[in-house]
Amino acid sequence: MKVSFPNKLSTRLTILFAFIFVITLSVYSFYTITLIQEELGTACIQNAYNLSDVIKKSTRYGMLLNSREHVEQIINTIATEEGDLRIRIFNKN
């Protein structure tokens, strides 16, 4: 009695373990990618808040003295940073 290749127990177990491995790896990868995306989004938002705080704190003194040159110099220095950066300062009025 000769058993054909697809009917061997070792073949069936190998296919079953490979299937379980692929499913487990897929679920783990999906979870990891989702977690990384959330962490990256949180880090980007925190970075934007930190940068806006730096801009506010560094320009505050120049604005209190009503020194346009000082404020413009600070804005020009900050604008030399790489990336898509826009700075808008609004008048109280």
PDB file of N, CA and C in Angstrom:
ATOM      1  N   MET A   1       0.842  -1.168   0.000  1.00  0.00           N
ATOM      2  CA  MET A   1       0.000   0.000   0.000  1.00  0.00           C
ATOM      3  C   MET A   1       0.897   1.243   0.000  1.00  0.00           C
ATOM      4  N   LYS A   2       0.823   1.970  -1.064  1.00  0.00           N
ATOM      5  CA  LYS A   2       1.625   3.174  -1.211  1.00  0.00           C
ATOM      6  C   LYS A   2       0.719   4.391  -1.037  1.00  0.00           C
ATOM      7  N   VAL A   3       1.125   5.325  -0.179  1.00  0.00           N
ATOM      8  CA  VAL A   3       0.342   6.533   0.090  1.00  0.00           C
ATOM      9  C   VAL A   3       0.839   7.627  -0.845  1.00  0.00           C
ATOM     10  N   SER A   4      -0.116   8.333  -1.507  1.00  0.00           N
ATOM     11  CA  SER A   4       0.277   9.403  -2.426  1.00  0.00           C
ATOM     12  C   SER A   4       0.757  10.623  -1.631  1.00  0.00           C
ATOM     13  N   PHE A   5       1.477  11.474  -2.315  1.00  0.00           N
ATOM     14  CA  PHE A   5       2.111  12.636  -1.668  1.00  0.00           C
ATOM     15  C   PHE A   5       1.113  13.538  -0.942  1.00  0.00           C
ATOM     16  N   PRO A   6      -0.022  13.927  -1.548  1.00  0.00           N
ATOM     17  CA  PRO A   6      -0.942  14.818  -0.822  1.00  0.00           C
ATOM     18  C   PRO A   6      -1.619  14.170   0.378  1.00  0.00           C
ATOM     19  N   ASN A   7      -1.631  12.869   0.448  1.00  0.00           N
ATOM     20  CA  ASN A   7      -2.321  12.185   1.543  1.00  0.00           C
ATOM     21  C   ASN A   7      -1.409  11.846   2.708  1.00  0.00           C
ATOM     22  N   LYS A   8      -0.136  12.164   2.617  1.00  0.00           N
ATOM     23  CA  LYS A   8       0.783  11.878   3.713  1.00  0.00           C
ATOM     24  C   LYS A   8       0.477  12.780   4.902  1.00  0.00           C
ATOM     25  N   LEU A   9       0.635  12.236   6.081  1.00  0.00           N
ATOM     26  CA  LEU A   9       0.381  13.000   7.305  1.00  0.00           C
ATOM     27  C   LEU A   9       1.355  14.162   7.436  1.00  0.00           C
ATOM     28  N   SER A  10       2.615  13.927   7.086  1.00  0.00           N
ATOM     29  CA  SER A  10       3.612  14.995   7.196  1.00  0.00           C
ATOM     30  C   SER A  10       3.287  16.161   6.267  1.00  0.00           C
ATOM     31  N   THR A  11       2.770  15.871   5.078  1.00  0.00           N
ATOM     32  CA  THR A  11       2.386  16.925   4.140  1.00  0.00           C
ATOM     33  C   THR A  11       1.214  17.731   4.692  1.00  0.00           C
ATOM     34  N   ARG A  12       0.233  17.028   5.229  1.00  0.00           N
ATOM     35  CA  ARG A  12      -0.931  17.708   5.793  1.00  0.00           C
ATOM     36  C   ARG A  12      -0.529  18.593   6.977  1.00  0.00           C
ATOM     37  N   LEU A  13       0.316  18.054   7.853  1.00  0.00           N
ATOM     38  CA  LEU A  13       0.750  18.838   9.011  1.00  0.00           C
ATOM     39  C   LEU A  13       1.584  20.047   8.589  1.00  0.00           C
ATOM     40  N   THR A  14       2.433  19.868   7.598  1.00  0.00           N
ATOM     41  CA  THR A  14       3.245  20.983   7.112  1.00  0.00           C
ATOM     42  C   THR A  14       2.357  22.087   6.547  1.00  0.00           C
ATOM     43  N   ILE A  15       1.382  21.725   5.758  1.00  0.00           N
ATOM     44  CA  ILE A  15       0.449  22.711   5.189  1.00  0.00           C
ATOM     45  C   ILE A  15      -0.357  23.385   6.299  1.00  0.00           C
ATOM     46  N   LEU A  16      -0.809  22.613   7.289  1.00  0.00           N
ATOM     47  CA  LEU A  16      -1.581  23.168   8.400  1.00  0.00           C
ATOM     48  C   LEU A  16      -0.734  24.148   9.213  1.00  0.00           C
ATOM     49  N   PHE A  17       0.492  23.765   9.554  1.00  0.00           N
ATOM     50  CA  PHE A  17       1.356  24.661  10.322  1.00  0.00           C
ATOM     51  C   PHE A  17       1.735  25.902   9.520  1.00  0.00           C
ATOM     52  N   ALA A  18       1.955  25.754   8.233  1.00  0.00           N
ATOM     53  CA  ALA A  18       2.267  26.911   7.389  1.00  0.00           C
ATOM     54  C   ALA A  18       1.075  27.869   7.355  1.00  0.00           C
ATOM     55  N   PHE A  19      -0.129  27.329   7.242  1.00  0.00           N
ATOM     56  CA  PHE A  19      -1.340  28.149   7.223  1.00  0.00           C
ATOM     57  C   PHE A  19      -1.506  28.885   8.553  1.00  0.00           C
ATOM     58  N   ILE A  20      -1.318  28.174   9.662  1.00  0.00           N
ATOM     59  CA  ILE A  20      -1.434  28.800  10.978  1.00  0.00           C
ATOM     60  C   ILE A  20      -0.361  29.878  11.153  1.00  0.00           C
ATOM     61  N   PHE A  21       0.848  29.605  10.696  1.00  0.00           N
ATOM     62  CA  PHE A  21       1.935  30.581  10.783  1.00  0.00           C
ATOM     63  C   PHE A  21       1.612  31.846   9.991  1.00  0.00           C
ATOM     64  N   VAL A  22       1.090  31.695   8.766  1.00  0.00           N
ATOM     65  CA  VAL A  22       0.761  32.853   7.932  1.00  0.00           C
ATOM     66  C   VAL A  22      -0.356  33.666   8.569  1.00  0.00           C
ATOM     67  N   ILE A  23      -1.369  33.004   9.097  1.00  0.00           N
ATOM     68  CA  ILE A  23      -2.478  33.721   9.750  1.00  0.00           C
ATOM     69  C   ILE A  23      -1.969  34.472  10.981  1.00  0.00           C
ATOM     70  N   THR A  24      -1.163  33.824  11.805  1.00  0.00           N
ATOM     71  CA  THR A  24      -0.629  34.465  13.007  1.00  0.00           C
ATOM     72  C   THR A  24       0.256  35.652  12.644  1.00  0.00           C
ATOM     73  N   LEU A  25       1.117  35.474  11.663  1.00  0.00           N
ATOM     74  CA  LEU A  25       1.989  36.557  11.229  1.00  0.00           C
ATOM     75  C   LEU A  25       1.182  37.726  10.663  1.00  0.00           C
ATOM     76  N   SER A  26       0.118  37.444   9.949  1.00  0.00           N
ATOM     77  CA  SER A  26      -0.731  38.502   9.391  1.00  0.00           C
ATOM     78  C   SER A  26      -1.407  39.307  10.496  1.00  0.00           C
ATOM     79  N   VAL A  27      -1.953  38.625  11.480  1.00  0.00           N
ATOM     80  CA  VAL A  27      -2.624  39.318  12.585  1.00  0.00           C
ATOM     81  C   VAL A  27      -1.622  40.158  13.370  1.00  0.00           C
ATOM     82  N   TYR A  28      -0.462  39.599  13.661  1.00  0.00           N
ATOM     83  CA  TYR A  28       0.568  40.337  14.394  1.00  0.00           C
ATOM     84  C   TYR A  28       1.050  41.550  13.599  1.00  0.00           C
ATOM     85  N   SER A  29       1.243  41.379  12.302  1.00  0.00           N
ATOM     86  CA  SER A  29       1.695  42.494  11.464  1.00  0.00           C
ATOM     87  C   SER A  29       0.653  43.603  11.404  1.00  0.00           C
ATOM     88  N   PHE A  30      -0.606  43.231  11.273  1.00  0.00           N
ATOM     89  CA  PHE A  30      -1.678  44.227  11.247  1.00  0.00           C
ATOM     90  C   PHE A  30      -1.716  45.007  12.554  1.00  0.00           C
ATOM     91  N   TYR A  31      -1.609  44.301  13.672  1.00  0.00           N
ATOM     92  CA  TYR A  31      -1.618  44.952  14.977  1.00  0.00           C
ATOM     93  C   TYR A  31      -0.421  45.892  15.125  1.00  0.00           C
ATOM     94  N   THR A  32       0.734  45.446  14.721  1.00  0.00           N
ATOM     95  CA  THR A  32       1.945  46.254  14.838  1.00  0.00           C
ATOM     96  C   THR A  32       1.860  47.499  13.967  1.00  0.00           C
ATOM     97  N   ILE A  33       1.407  47.359  12.739  1.00  0.00           N
ATOM     98  CA  ILE A  33       1.299  48.504  11.834  1.00  0.00           C
ATOM     99  C   ILE A  33       0.292  49.514  12.368  1.00  0.00           C
ATOM    100  N   THR A  34      -0.824  49.040  12.888  1.00  0.00           N
ATOM    101  CA  THR A  34      -1.834  49.933  13.455  1.00  0.00           C
ATOM    102  C   THR A  34      -1.267  50.690  14.657  1.00  0.00           C
ATOM    103  N   LEU A  35      -0.551  50.001  15.514  1.00  0.00           N
ATOM    104  CA  LEU A  35       0.043  50.635  16.688  1.00  0.00           C
ATOM    105  C   LEU A  35       1.092  51.667  16.292  1.00  0.00           C
ATOM    106  N   ILE A  36       1.908  51.362  15.310  1.00  0.00           N
ATOM    107  CA  ILE A  36       2.934  52.296  14.851  1.00  0.00           C
ATOM    108  C   ILE A  36       2.300  53.544  14.239  1.00  0.00           C
ATOM    109  N   GLN A  37       1.228  53.363  13.476  1.00  0.00           N
ATOM    110  CA  GLN A  37       0.549  54.517  12.882  1.00  0.00           C
ATOM    111  C   GLN A  37      -0.026  55.427  13.960  1.00  0.00           C
ATOM    112  N   GLU A  38      -0.616  54.852  14.990  1.00  0.00           N
ATOM    113  CA  GLU A  38      -1.158  55.668  16.075  1.00  0.00           C
ATOM    114  C   GLU A  38      -0.052  56.419  16.810  1.00  0.00           C
ATOM    115  N   GLU A  39       1.047  55.738  17.085  1.00  0.00           N
ATOM    116  CA  GLU A  39       2.167  56.377  17.772  1.00  0.00           C
ATOM    117  C   GLU A  39       2.780  57.489  16.923  1.00  0.00           C
ATOM    118  N   LEU A  40       2.886  57.261  15.627  1.00  0.00           N
ATOM    119  CA  LEU A  40       3.441  58.271  14.734  1.00  0.00           C
ATOM    120  C   LEU A  40       2.534  59.495  14.666  1.00  0.00           C
ATOM    121  N   GLY A  41       1.233  59.276  14.615  1.00  0.00           N
ATOM    122  CA  GLY A  41       0.290  60.395  14.620  1.00  0.00           C
ATOM    123  C   GLY A  41       0.378  61.206  15.900  1.00  0.00           C
ATOM    124  N   THR A  42       0.472  60.513  17.015  1.00  0.00           N
ATOM    125  CA  THR A  42       0.608  61.197  18.303  1.00  0.00           C
ATOM    126  C   THR A  42       1.911  61.982  18.371  1.00  0.00           C
ATOM    127  N   ALA A  43       2.988  61.401  17.863  1.00  0.00           N
ATOM    128  CA  ALA A  43       4.283  62.089  17.879  1.00  0.00           C
ATOM    129  C   ALA A  43       4.260  63.326  16.990  1.00  0.00           C
ATOM    130  N   CYS A  44       3.599  63.246  15.847  1.00  0.00           N
ATOM    131  CA  CYS A  44       3.508  64.413  14.955  1.00  0.00           C
ATOM    132  C   CYS A  44       2.721  65.546  15.603  1.00  0.00           C
ATOM    133  N   ILE A  45       1.626  65.205  16.237  1.00  0.00           N
ATOM    134  CA  ILE A  45       0.812  66.223  16.904  1.00  0.00           C
ATOM    135  C   ILE A  45       1.595  66.852  18.053  1.00  0.00           C
ATOM    136  N   GLN A  46       2.292  66.033  18.836  1.00  0.00           N
ATOM    137  CA  GLN A  46       3.079  66.561  19.943  1.00  0.00           C
ATOM    138  C   GLN A  46       4.202  67.462  19.439  1.00  0.00           C
ATOM    139  N   ASN A  47       4.817  67.079  18.336  1.00  0.00           N
ATOM    140  CA  ASN A  47       5.880  67.893  17.742  1.00  0.00           C
ATOM    141  C   ASN A  47       5.332  69.242  17.281  1.00  0.00           C
ATOM    142  N   ALA A  48       4.145  69.257  16.697  1.00  0.00           N
ATOM    143  CA  ALA A  48       3.536  70.515  16.258  1.00  0.00           C
ATOM    144  C   ALA A  48       3.240  71.418  17.461  1.00  0.00           C
ATOM    145  N   TYR A  49       2.717  70.840  18.553  1.00  0.00           N
ATOM    146  CA  TYR A  49       2.464  71.635  19.751  1.00  0.00           C
ATOM    147  C   TYR A  49       3.758  72.198  20.335  1.00  0.00           C
ATOM    148  N   ASN A  50       4.792  71.368  20.370  1.00  0.00           N
ATOM    149  CA  ASN A  50       6.077  71.839  20.904  1.00  0.00           C
ATOM    150  C   ASN A  50       6.649  72.967  20.061  1.00  0.00           C
ATOM    151  N   LEU A  51       6.574  72.832  18.749  1.00  0.00           N
ATOM    152  CA  LEU A  51       7.095  73.881  17.870  1.00  0.00           C
ATOM    153  C   LEU A  51       6.302  75.172  18.026  1.00  0.00           C
ATOM    154  N   SER A  52       4.988  75.073  18.154  1.00  0.00           N
ATOM    155  CA  SER A  52       4.195  76.289  18.335  1.00  0.00           C
ATOM    156  C   SER A  52       4.501  76.945  19.676  1.00  0.00           C
ATOM    157  N   ASP A  53       4.770  76.154  20.716  1.00  0.00           N
ATOM    158  CA  ASP A  53       5.158  76.730  21.998  1.00  0.00           C
ATOM    159  C   ASP A  53       6.499  77.443  21.905  1.00  0.00           C
ATOM    160  N   VAL A  54       7.441  76.857  21.173  1.00  0.00           N
ATOM    161  CA  VAL A  54       8.740  77.511  20.998  1.00  0.00           C
ATOM    162  C   VAL A  54       8.575  78.844  20.287  1.00  0.00           C
ATOM    163  N   ILE A  55       7.749  78.866  19.259  1.00  0.00           N
ATOM    164  CA  ILE A  55       7.523  80.108  18.506  1.00  0.00           C
ATOM    165  C   ILE A  55       6.865  81.157  19.409  1.00  0.00           C
ATOM    166  N   LYS A  56       5.849  80.753  20.158  1.00  0.00           N
ATOM    167  CA  LYS A  56       5.168  81.706  21.035  1.00  0.00           C
ATOM    168  C   LYS A  56       6.086  82.255  22.114  1.00  0.00           C
ATOM    169  N   LYS A  57       6.852  81.374  22.729  1.00  0.00           N
ATOM    170  CA  LYS A  57       7.725  81.815  23.811  1.00  0.00           C
ATOM    171  C   LYS A  57       8.885  82.663  23.309  1.00  0.00           C
ATOM    172  N   SER A  58       9.392  82.348  22.123  1.00  0.00           N
ATOM    173  CA  SER A  58      10.533  83.121  21.623  1.00  0.00           C
ATOM    174  C   SER A  58      10.114  84.477  21.065  1.00  0.00           C
ATOM    175  N   THR A  59       8.915  84.614  20.594  1.00  0.00           N
ATOM    176  CA  THR A  59       8.475  85.903  20.047  1.00  0.00           C
ATOM    177  C   THR A  59       7.768  86.776  21.084  1.00  0.00           C
ATOM    178  N   ARG A  60       7.457  86.247  22.225  1.00  0.00           N
ATOM    179  CA  ARG A  60       6.693  86.983  23.231  1.00  0.00           C
ATOM    180  C   ARG A  60       7.401  88.269  23.669  1.00  0.00           C
ATOM    181  N   TYR A  61       8.663  88.154  23.977  1.00  0.00           N
ATOM    182  CA  TYR A  61       9.400  89.321  24.476  1.00  0.00           C
ATOM    183  C   TYR A  61       9.481  90.414  23.410  1.00  0.00           C
ATOM    184  N   GLY A  62       9.749  90.029  22.168  1.00  0.00           N
ATOM    185  CA  GLY A  62       9.805  91.021  21.086  1.00  0.00           C
ATOM    186  C   GLY A  62       8.466  91.691  20.860  1.00  0.00           C
ATOM    187  N   MET A  63       7.400  90.944  21.042  1.00  0.00           N
ATOM    188  CA  MET A  63       6.070  91.532  20.870  1.00  0.00           C
ATOM    189  C   MET A  63       5.726  92.462  22.028  1.00  0.00           C
ATOM    190  N   LEU A  64       6.154  92.104  23.231  1.00  0.00           N
ATOM    191  CA  LEU A  64       5.891  92.979  24.367  1.00  0.00           C
ATOM    192  C   LEU A  64       6.599  94.324  24.212  1.00  0.00           C
ATOM    193  N   LEU A  65       7.788  94.291  23.626  1.00  0.00           N
ATOM    194  CA  LEU A  65       8.533  95.528  23.399  1.00  0.00           C
ATOM    195  C   LEU A  65       8.115  96.222  22.107  1.00  0.00           C
ATOM    196  N   ASN A  66       7.236  95.585  21.355  1.00  0.00           N
ATOM    197  CA  ASN A  66       6.788  96.079  20.052  1.00  0.00           C
ATOM    198  C   ASN A  66       7.982  96.261  19.101  1.00  0.00           C
ATOM    199  N   SER A  67       8.887  95.287  19.138  1.00  0.00           N
ATOM    200  CA  SER A  67      10.087  95.314  18.307  1.00  0.00           C
ATOM    201  C   SER A  67       9.878  94.392  17.111  1.00  0.00           C
ATOM    202  N   ARG A  68       9.434  94.988  15.985  1.00  0.00           N
ATOM    203  CA  ARG A  68       9.168  94.201  14.784  1.00  0.00           C
ATOM    204  C   ARG A  68      10.424  93.504  14.264  1.00  0.00           C
ATOM    205  N   GLU A  69      11.561  94.178  14.357  1.00  0.00           N
ATOM    206  CA  GLU A  69      12.797  93.600  13.837  1.00  0.00           C
ATOM    207  C   GLU A  69      13.176  92.334  14.599  1.00  0.00           C
ATOM    208  N   HIS A  70      13.005  92.385  15.907  1.00  0.00           N
ATOM    209  CA  HIS A  70      13.315  91.234  16.739  1.00  0.00           C
ATOM    210  C   HIS A  70      12.402  90.061  16.391  1.00  0.00           C
ATOM    211  N   VAL A  71      11.116  90.311  16.256  1.00  0.00           N
ATOM    212  CA  VAL A  71      10.150  89.267  15.925  1.00  0.00           C
ATOM    213  C   VAL A  71      10.416  88.707  14.532  1.00  0.00           C
ATOM    214  N   GLU A  72      10.691  89.581  13.567  1.00  0.00           N
ATOM    215  CA  GLU A  72      10.987  89.119  12.207  1.00  0.00           C
ATOM    216  C   GLU A  72      12.241  88.263  12.166  1.00  0.00           C
ATOM    217  N   GLN A  73      13.252  88.635  12.931  1.00  0.00           N
ATOM    218  CA  GLN A  73      14.487  87.840  12.976  1.00  0.00           C
ATOM    219  C   GLN A  73      14.218  86.455  13.554  1.00  0.00           C
ATOM    220  N   ILE A  74      13.422  86.382  14.582  1.00  0.00           N
ATOM    221  CA  ILE A  74      13.075  85.087  15.181  1.00  0.00           C
ATOM    222  C   ILE A  74      12.310  84.232  14.186  1.00  0.00           C
ATOM    223  N   ILE A  75      11.343  84.833  13.496  1.00  0.00           N
ATOM    224  CA  ILE A  75      10.555  84.089  12.511  1.00  0.00           C
ATOM    225  C   ILE A  75      11.439  83.620  11.368  1.00  0.00           C
ATOM    226  N   ASN A  76      12.334  84.454  10.894  1.00  0.00           N
ATOM    227  CA  ASN A  76      13.241  84.046   9.812  1.00  0.00           C
ATOM    228  C   ASN A  76      14.167  82.915  10.253  1.00  0.00           C
ATOM    229  N   THR A  77      14.606  82.965  11.492  1.00  0.00           N
ATOM    230  CA  THR A  77      15.460  81.895  12.007  1.00  0.00           C
ATOM    231  C   THR A  77      14.697  80.581  12.100  1.00  0.00           C
ATOM    232  N   ILE A  78      13.491  80.637  12.593  1.00  0.00           N
ATOM    233  CA  ILE A  78      12.673  79.424  12.711  1.00  0.00           C
ATOM    234  C   ILE A  78      12.298  78.898  11.327  1.00  0.00           C
ATOM    235  N   ALA A  79      12.074  79.795  10.368  1.00  0.00           N
ATOM    236  CA  ALA A  79      11.667  79.388   9.019  1.00  0.00           C
ATOM    237  C   ALA A  79      12.777  78.684   8.255  1.00  0.00           C
ATOM    238  N   THR A  80      14.022  78.761   8.725  1.00  0.00           N
ATOM    239  CA  THR A  80      15.109  78.074   8.032  1.00  0.00           C
ATOM    240  C   THR A  80      15.094  76.570   8.290  1.00  0.00           C
ATOM    241  N   GLU A  81      14.235  76.107   9.201  1.00  0.00           N
ATOM    242  CA  GLU A  81      14.125  74.674   9.468  1.00  0.00           C
ATOM    243  C   GLU A  81      13.571  73.954   8.240  1.00  0.00           C
ATOM    244  N   GLU A  82      13.987  72.708   8.084  1.00  0.00           N
ATOM    245  CA  GLU A  82      13.501  71.917   6.953  1.00  0.00           C
ATOM    246  C   GLU A  82      12.060  71.485   7.207  1.00  0.00           C
ATOM    247  N   GLY A  83      11.345  71.224   6.135  1.00  0.00           N
ATOM    248  CA  GLY A  83       9.970  70.764   6.240  1.00  0.00           C
ATOM    249  C   GLY A  83       9.004  71.832   5.787  1.00  0.00           C
ATOM    250  N   ASP A  84       7.747  71.454   5.759  1.00  0.00           N
ATOM    251  CA  ASP A  84       6.688  72.362   5.341  1.00  0.00           C
ATOM    252  C   ASP A  84       6.256  73.150   6.566  1.00  0.00           C
ATOM    253  N   LEU A  85       6.831  74.340   6.734  1.00  0.00           N
ATOM    254  CA  LEU A  85       6.587  75.134   7.926  1.00  0.00           C
ATOM    255  C   LEU A  85       6.013  76.485   7.532  1.00  0.00           C
ATOM    256  N   ARG A  86       4.868  76.830   8.113  1.00  0.00           N
ATOM    257  CA  ARG A  86       4.257  78.143   7.892  1.00  0.00           C
ATOM    258  C   ARG A  86       4.007  78.775   9.250  1.00  0.00           C
ATOM    259  N   ILE A  87       4.338  80.029   9.356  1.00  0.00           N
ATOM    260  CA  ILE A  87       4.145  80.747  10.608  1.00  0.00           C
ATOM    261  C   ILE A  87       3.204  81.910  10.345  1.00  0.00           C
ATOM    262  N   ARG A  88       2.145  81.967  11.142  1.00  0.00           N
ATOM    263  CA  ARG A  88       1.205  83.076  11.032  1.00  0.00           C
ATOM    264  C   ARG A  88       1.047  83.697  12.409  1.00  0.00           C
ATOM    265  N   ILE A  89       1.158  85.015  12.452  1.00  0.00           N
ATOM    266  CA  ILE A  89       0.978  85.744  13.709  1.00  0.00           C
ATOM    267  C   ILE A  89      -0.194  86.683  13.502  1.00  0.00           C
ATOM    268  N   PHE A  90      -1.149  86.599  14.444  1.00  0.00           N
ATOM    269  CA  PHE A  90      -2.350  87.398  14.338  1.00  0.00           C
ATOM    270  C   PHE A  90      -2.308  88.562  15.321  1.00  0.00           C
ATOM    271  N   ASN A  91      -2.828  89.684  14.873  1.00  0.00           N
ATOM    272  CA  ASN A  91      -2.966  90.843  15.722  1.00  0.00           C
ATOM    273  C   ASN A  91      -4.155  90.615  16.647  1.00  0.00           C
ATOM    274  N   LYS A  92      -4.122  91.196  17.820  1.00  0.00           N
ATOM    275  CA  LYS A  92      -5.212  91.032  18.763  1.00  0.00           C
ATOM    276  C   LYS A  92      -6.533  91.549  18.197  1.00  0.00           C
ATOM    277  N   ASN A  93      -6.449  92.592  17.367  1.00  0.00           N
ATOM    278  CA  ASN A  93      -7.657  93.159  16.758  1.00  0.00           C
ATOM    279  C   ASN A  93      -8.160  92.220  15.682  1.00  0.00           C
TER     280      ASN A  93
END
